[in-house]
């Protein structure tokens, strides 16, 4: 068990609702929370946040980067490399 001073390694969000409209509101809040967490983060930082293993070869990653260069342009937004 982690001490109170340690950050949990992952968080699980469980939504329960008997009302479909209420669930949609809760789902929207959860989605926004994730979006806020990854906003302006680099691909490397997002992978670290969600513990995602990079399964691209360097060549595949370079190709994807080139095809989606617009999404990686510096200067449009501050890109934060930190996972927090």
C-alpha atoms as a PDB file:
ATOM      1  CA  UNK A   1       0.000   0.000   0.000  1.00  0.00           C
ATOM      2  CA  UNK A   2       1.356   3.450  -0.899  1.00  0.00           C
ATOM      3  CA  UNK A   3       1.960   5.957   1.816  1.00  0.00           C
ATOM      4  CA  UNK A   4      -0.144   9.118   1.857  1.00  0.00           C
ATOM      5  CA  UNK A   5       2.798  11.135   0.496  1.00  0.00           C
ATOM      6  CA  UNK A   6       3.178   8.943  -2.608  1.00  0.00           C
ATOM      7  CA  UNK A   7       1.204   9.595  -5.774  1.00  0.00           C
ATOM      8  CA  UNK A   8      -0.922   6.713  -7.009  1.00  0.00           C
ATOM      9  CA  UNK A   9       0.487   5.112 -10.168  1.00  0.00           C
ATOM     10  CA  UNK A  10      -2.890   5.080 -11.877  1.00  0.00           C
ATOM     11  CA  UNK A  11      -6.417   6.228 -11.293  1.00  0.00           C
ATOM     12  CA  UNK A  12      -9.598   4.384 -12.139  1.00  0.00           C
ATOM     13  CA  UNK A  13     -12.761   6.348 -12.741  1.00  0.00           C
ATOM     14  CA  UNK A  14     -16.002   4.495 -12.117  1.00  0.00           C
ATOM     15  CA  UNK A  15     -19.240   6.144 -13.145  1.00  0.00           C
ATOM     16  CA  UNK A  16     -22.561   4.875 -11.877  1.00  0.00           C
ATOM     17  CA  UNK A  17     -25.891   6.363 -12.739  1.00  0.00           C
ATOM     18  CA  UNK A  18     -29.445   5.198 -13.153  1.00  0.00           C
ATOM     19  CA  UNK A  19     -30.212   8.231 -15.301  1.00  0.00           C
ATOM     20  CA  UNK A  20     -28.766   8.216 -18.827  1.00  0.00           C
ATOM     21  CA  UNK A  21     -28.619  12.039 -19.011  1.00  0.00           C
ATOM     22  CA  UNK A  22     -26.714  12.201 -15.739  1.00  0.00           C
ATOM     23  CA  UNK A  23     -24.248   9.588 -17.044  1.00  0.00           C
ATOM     24  CA  UNK A  24     -23.632  11.656 -20.186  1.00  0.00           C
ATOM     25  CA  UNK A  25     -22.759  14.654 -17.997  1.00  0.00           C
ATOM     26  CA  UNK A  26     -20.393  12.547 -15.865  1.00  0.00           C
ATOM     27  CA  UNK A  27     -18.846  11.031 -19.003  1.00  0.00           C
ATOM     28  CA  UNK A  28     -18.329  14.500 -20.443  1.00  0.00           C
ATOM     29  CA  UNK A  29     -16.558  15.612 -17.263  1.00  0.00           C
ATOM     30  CA  UNK A  30     -14.302  12.534 -17.371  1.00  0.00           C
ATOM     31  CA  UNK A  31     -13.444  13.125 -21.027  1.00  0.00           C
ATOM     32  CA  UNK A  32     -12.667  16.787 -20.358  1.00  0.00           C
ATOM     33  CA  UNK A  33     -10.442  15.778 -17.451  1.00  0.00           C
ATOM     34  CA  UNK A  34      -8.373  13.518 -19.725  1.00  0.00           C
ATOM     35  CA  UNK A  35      -8.230  16.204 -22.418  1.00  0.00           C
ATOM     36  CA  UNK A  36      -6.983  18.746 -19.875  1.00  0.00           C
ATOM     37  CA  UNK A  37      -4.349  16.288 -18.654  1.00  0.00           C
ATOM     38  CA  UNK A  38      -2.812  15.777 -22.122  1.00  0.00           C
ATOM     39  CA  UNK A  39      -3.310  19.266 -23.559  1.00  0.00           C
ATOM     40  CA  UNK A  40      -0.030  20.698 -24.881  1.00  0.00           C
ATOM     41  CA  UNK A  41       1.858  17.543 -23.965  1.00  0.00           C
ATOM     42  CA  UNK A  42       4.340  15.870 -26.270  1.00  0.00           C
ATOM     43  CA  UNK A  43       3.718  12.374 -27.598  1.00  0.00           C
ATOM     44  CA  UNK A  44       6.479  11.179 -25.269  1.00  0.00           C
ATOM     45  CA  UNK A  45       4.798  12.771 -22.230  1.00  0.00           C
ATOM     46  CA  UNK A  46       1.351  11.340 -23.123  1.00  0.00           C
ATOM     47  CA  UNK A  47       2.880   7.881 -23.480  1.00  0.00           C
ATOM     48  CA  UNK A  48       4.403   8.260 -20.017  1.00  0.00           C
ATOM     49  CA  UNK A  49       1.132   9.532 -18.460  1.00  0.00           C
ATOM     50  CA  UNK A  50      -0.833   6.520 -19.741  1.00  0.00           C
ATOM     51  CA  UNK A  51       2.056   4.028 -19.575  1.00  0.00           C
ATOM     52  CA  UNK A  52       1.879   3.385 -23.340  1.00  0.00           C
ATOM     53  CA  UNK A  53       4.749   1.439 -24.884  1.00  0.00           C
ATOM     54  CA  UNK A  54       6.025   2.857 -28.154  1.00  0.00           C
ATOM     55  CA  UNK A  55       5.699  -0.038 -30.591  1.00  0.00           C
ATOM     56  CA  UNK A  56       6.797   1.974 -33.644  1.00  0.00           C
ATOM     57  CA  UNK A  57      10.205   1.418 -35.169  1.00  0.00           C
ATOM     58  CA  UNK A  58      12.219   4.636 -35.522  1.00  0.00           C
ATOM     59  CA  UNK A  59      11.469   4.534 -39.271  1.00  0.00           C
ATOM     60  CA  UNK A  60       7.703   4.128 -38.727  1.00  0.00           C
ATOM     61  CA  UNK A  61       7.675   6.899 -36.149  1.00  0.00           C
ATOM     62  CA  UNK A  62       9.534   9.244 -38.522  1.00  0.00           C
ATOM     63  CA  UNK A  63       7.018   8.473 -41.288  1.00  0.00           C
ATOM     64  CA  UNK A  64       4.014   9.152 -39.031  1.00  0.00           C
ATOM     65  CA  UNK A  65       5.656  12.336 -37.769  1.00  0.00           C
ATOM     66  CA  UNK A  66       6.228  13.515 -41.346  1.00  0.00           C
ATOM     67  CA  UNK A  67       2.637  12.687 -42.383  1.00  0.00           C
ATOM     68  CA  UNK A  68       1.265  14.622 -39.402  1.00  0.00           C
ATOM     69  CA  UNK A  69       3.873  17.340 -39.149  1.00  0.00           C
ATOM     70  CA  UNK A  70       1.178  19.989 -38.621  1.00  0.00           C
ATOM     71  CA  UNK A  71       0.330  18.404 -35.267  1.00  0.00           C
ATOM     72  CA  UNK A  72       3.919  18.718 -34.069  1.00  0.00           C
ATOM     73  CA  UNK A  73       4.706  22.241 -35.194  1.00  0.00           C
ATOM     74  CA  UNK A  74       6.514  24.180 -32.514  1.00  0.00           C
ATOM     75  CA  UNK A  75       5.418  27.707 -31.871  1.00  0.00           C
ATOM     76  CA  UNK A  76       1.700  27.028 -32.255  1.00  0.00           C
ATOM     77  CA  UNK A  77       1.396  25.971 -28.635  1.00  0.00           C
ATOM     78  CA  UNK A  78       3.798  25.331 -25.805  1.00  0.00           C
ATOM     79  CA  UNK A  79       4.727  21.655 -25.834  1.00  0.00           C
ATOM     80  CA  UNK A  80       5.252  20.311 -22.353  1.00  0.00           C
ATOM     81  CA  UNK A  81       7.552  17.285 -22.092  1.00  0.00           C
ATOM     82  CA  UNK A  82       6.718  16.594 -18.447  1.00  0.00           C
ATOM     83  CA  UNK A  83       4.073  14.002 -17.578  1.00  0.00           C
ATOM     84  CA  UNK A  84       2.645  16.132 -14.728  1.00  0.00           C
END
